C-alpha atoms as a PDB file:
ATOM      1  CA  MET A   1      63.146  29.116 -46.472  1.00  0.00           C
ATOM      2  CA  GLU A   2      60.021  28.201 -44.548  1.00  0.00           C
ATOM      3  CA  GLY A   3      61.971  28.106 -41.281  1.00  0.00           C
ATOM      4  CA  GLY A   4      62.920  31.764 -41.762  1.00  0.00           C
ATOM      5  CA  GLY A   5      59.274  32.729 -42.303  1.00  0.00           C
ATOM      6  CA  LYS A   6      58.182  30.999 -39.119  1.00  0.00           C
ATOM      7  CA  LYS A   7      60.990  32.650 -37.197  1.00  0.00           C
ATOM      8  CA  ARG A   8      59.940  36.060 -38.486  1.00  0.00           C
ATOM      9  CA  LYS A   9      56.335  35.400 -37.468  1.00  0.00           C
ATOM     10  CA  MET A  10      57.468  34.429 -33.990  1.00  0.00           C
ATOM     11  CA  GLU A  11      59.493  37.631 -33.710  1.00  0.00           C
ATOM     12  CA  ASP A  12      56.482  39.674 -34.813  1.00  0.00           C
ATOM     13  CA  GLU A  13      54.294  37.935 -32.245  1.00  0.00           C
ATOM     14  CA  GLU A  14      56.849  38.534 -29.494  1.00  0.00           C
ATOM     15  CA  GLU A  15      57.066  42.188 -30.459  1.00  0.00           C
ATOM     16  CA  LYS A  16      53.275  42.506 -30.304  1.00  0.00           C
ATOM     17  CA  ILE A  17      53.235  40.825 -26.903  1.00  0.00           C
ATOM     18  CA  GLU A  18      55.901  43.200 -25.594  1.00  0.00           C
ATOM     19  CA  LYS A  19      53.917  46.196 -26.839  1.00  0.00           C
ATOM     20  CA  PHE A  20      50.813  44.793 -25.187  1.00  0.00           C
ATOM     21  CA  TYR A  21      52.516  44.408 -21.821  1.00  0.00           C
ATOM     22  CA  ALA A  22      54.044  47.876 -22.131  1.00  0.00           C
ATOM     23  CA  LEU A  23      50.552  49.233 -22.727  1.00  0.00           C
ATOM     24  CA  ILE A  24      49.253  47.432 -19.643  1.00  0.00           C
ATOM     25  CA  ARG A  25      52.105  48.831 -17.528  1.00  0.00           C
ATOM     26  CA  SER A  26      51.483  52.375 -18.723  1.00  0.00           C
ATOM     27  CA  THR A  27      47.751  51.981 -18.082  1.00  0.00           C
ATOM     28  CA  ARG A  28      48.439  50.861 -14.527  1.00  0.00           C
ATOM     29  CA  GLU A  29      50.787  53.798 -13.994  1.00  0.00           C
ATOM     30  CA  VAL A  30      48.150  56.248 -15.202  1.00  0.00           C
ATOM     31  CA  ARG A  31      45.537  54.640 -12.967  1.00  0.00           C
ATOM     32  CA  GLN A  32      47.849  54.958  -9.966  1.00  0.00           C
ATOM     33  CA  LEU A  33      48.519  58.584 -10.797  1.00  0.00           C
ATOM     34  CA  LEU A  34      44.813  59.290 -11.020  1.00  0.00           C
ATOM     35  CA  ARG A  35      44.230  57.599  -7.674  1.00  0.00           C
ATOM     36  CA  GLY A  36      46.941  59.715  -6.092  1.00  0.00           C
ATOM     37  CA  ASN A  37      49.432  56.905  -5.513  1.00  0.00           C
ATOM     38  CA  SER A  38      52.150  58.516  -7.606  1.00  0.00           C
ATOM     39  CA  ASN A  39      54.717  58.379  -4.791  1.00  0.00           C
ATOM     40  CA  GLY A  40      54.720  54.579  -4.974  1.00  0.00           C
ATOM     41  CA  LEU A  41      54.885  54.176  -1.183  1.00  0.00           C
ATOM     42  CA  LYS A  42      52.663  51.647   0.550  1.00  0.00           C
ATOM     43  CA  GLU A  43      50.045  53.187   2.760  1.00  0.00           C
ATOM     44  CA  LYS A  44      48.701  51.941   6.056  1.00  0.00           C
ATOM     45  CA  LYS A  45      45.831  49.463   5.808  1.00  0.00           C
ATOM     46  CA  ASP A  46      43.281  51.930   7.201  1.00  0.00           C
ATOM     47  CA  GLU A  47      44.263  54.638   4.741  1.00  0.00           C
ATOM     48  CA  LYS A  48      44.242  52.137   1.916  1.00  0.00           C
ATOM     49  CA  LYS A  49      40.688  51.078   2.763  1.00  0.00           C
ATOM     50  CA  GLU A  50      39.542  54.697   2.752  1.00  0.00           C
ATOM     51  CA  ASP A  51      41.195  55.323  -0.603  1.00  0.00           C
ATOM     52  CA  SER A  52      39.659  52.230  -2.110  1.00  0.00           C
ATOM     53  CA  LYS A  53      36.223  53.400  -0.988  1.00  0.00           C
ATOM     54  CA  ALA A  54      36.784  56.863  -2.403  1.00  0.00           C
ATOM     55  CA  ALA A  55      38.252  55.595  -5.670  1.00  0.00           C
ATOM     56  CA  GLY A  56      35.936  52.568  -5.793  1.00  0.00           C
ATOM     57  CA  GLY A  57      34.259  53.794  -8.922  1.00  0.00           C
ATOM     58  CA  TRP A  58      31.245  55.648 -10.064  1.00  0.00           C
ATOM     59  CA  ASN A  59      27.900  54.122  -9.228  1.00  0.00           C
ATOM     60  CA  PRO A  60      25.295  55.915 -11.356  1.00  0.00           C
ATOM     61  CA  THR A  61      21.635  56.052 -10.455  1.00  0.00           C
ATOM     62  CA  PHE A  62      18.946  56.492 -13.055  1.00  0.00           C
ATOM     63  CA  GLN A  63      15.355  57.600 -12.990  1.00  0.00           C
ATOM     64  CA  PRO A  64      12.720  56.721 -15.622  1.00  0.00           C
ATOM     65  CA  GLU A  65      12.647  60.391 -16.626  1.00  0.00           C
ATOM     66  CA  ASP A  66      16.236  60.057 -17.827  1.00  0.00           C
ATOM     67  CA  PHE A  67      15.041  57.862 -20.687  1.00  0.00           C
ATOM     68  CA  LEU A  68      11.859  59.641 -21.760  1.00  0.00           C
ATOM     69  CA  GLU A  69      13.676  61.514 -24.522  1.00  0.00           C
ATOM     70  CA  ASP A  70      15.071  58.241 -25.890  1.00  0.00           C
ATOM     71  CA  VAL A  71      11.626  56.664 -25.832  1.00  0.00           C
ATOM     72  CA  LYS A  72      10.143  59.530 -27.812  1.00  0.00           C
ATOM     73  CA  ILE A  73      12.902  59.324 -30.427  1.00  0.00           C
ATOM     74  CA  SER A  74      12.959  55.553 -30.878  1.00  0.00           C
ATOM     75  CA  GLY A  75       9.245  54.929 -30.490  1.00  0.00           C
ATOM     76  CA  HIS A  76      10.006  51.978 -28.204  1.00  0.00           C
ATOM     77  CA  HIS A  77       9.033  51.773 -24.604  1.00  0.00           C
ATOM     78  CA  GLY A  78       9.896  48.814 -22.489  1.00  0.00           C
ATOM     79  CA  GLY A  79       7.977  49.519 -19.317  1.00  0.00           C
ATOM     80  CA  GLY A  80       8.120  53.303 -19.591  1.00  0.00           C
ATOM     81  CA  SER A  81       5.903  55.561 -17.529  1.00  0.00           C
ATOM     82  CA  SER A  82       2.154  55.083 -17.829  1.00  0.00           C
ATOM     83  CA  LYS A  83       1.763  58.789 -18.544  1.00  0.00           C
ATOM     84  CA  ALA A  84       3.822  58.453 -21.737  1.00  0.00           C
ATOM     85  CA  LYS A  85       1.738  55.446 -22.800  1.00  0.00           C
ATOM     86  CA  GLN A  86      -1.470  57.324 -22.102  1.00  0.00           C
ATOM     87  CA  GLU A  87      -0.339  60.297 -24.187  1.00  0.00           C
ATOM     88  CA  GLU A  88       0.624  57.999 -27.052  1.00  0.00           C
ATOM     89  CA  GLU A  89      -2.761  56.262 -26.942  1.00  0.00           C
ATOM     90  CA  GLU A  90      -4.513  59.641 -27.024  1.00  0.00           C
ATOM     91  CA  GLU A  91      -2.480  60.662 -30.067  1.00  0.00           C
ATOM     92  CA  GLU A  92      -3.432  57.421 -31.836  1.00  0.00           C
ATOM     93  CA  GLU A  93      -7.108  58.009 -31.036  1.00  0.00           C
ATOM     94  CA  ASP A  94      -6.862  61.560 -32.392  1.00  0.00           C
ATOM     95  CA  LYS A  95      -5.319  60.257 -35.621  1.00  0.00           C
ATOM     96  CA  LYS A  96      -8.073  57.677 -36.008  1.00  0.00           C
ATOM     97  CA  GLU A  97     -10.733  60.343 -35.509  1.00  0.00           C
ATOM     98  CA  GLU A  98      -9.050  62.625 -38.052  1.00  0.00           C
ATOM     99  CA  ASP A  99      -8.845  59.785 -40.584  1.00  0.00           C
ATOM    100  CA  LYS A 100     -12.493  58.960 -40.004  1.00  0.00           C
ATOM    101  CA  GLU A 101     -13.496  62.604 -40.488  1.00  0.00           C
ATOM    102  CA  ASP A 102     -11.398  62.813 -43.688  1.00  0.00           C
ATOM    103  CA  LYS A 103     -13.129  59.703 -45.088  1.00  0.00           C
ATOM    104  CA  ASP A 104     -16.564  61.042 -44.161  1.00  0.00           C
ATOM    105  CA  HIS A 105     -15.870  64.430 -45.817  1.00  0.00           C
ATOM    106  CA  GLY A 106     -13.964  63.054 -48.782  1.00  0.00           C
END
């Protein structure tokens, strides 16, 4: 009976592999459609180079200001702007002064 169990496992594995490769094929087809190569014809080398440059991918650029909101929320700043640090230090000083005044009056 063990031989039948192993055979069934092998069949399951093969089925999973086939599904995996089918998924890869469909992903490639979608990618080609999105790139505009749906006709399946080979293009000239020059045109292909231009397409690859245009469809080369998104190259984002970031500025420190993009992360200021995140820094305020998390309270962490790994090399953030000096202005944000300065404001935070001023807030801490204000808190210390308020605490000192509360202790003196209380």
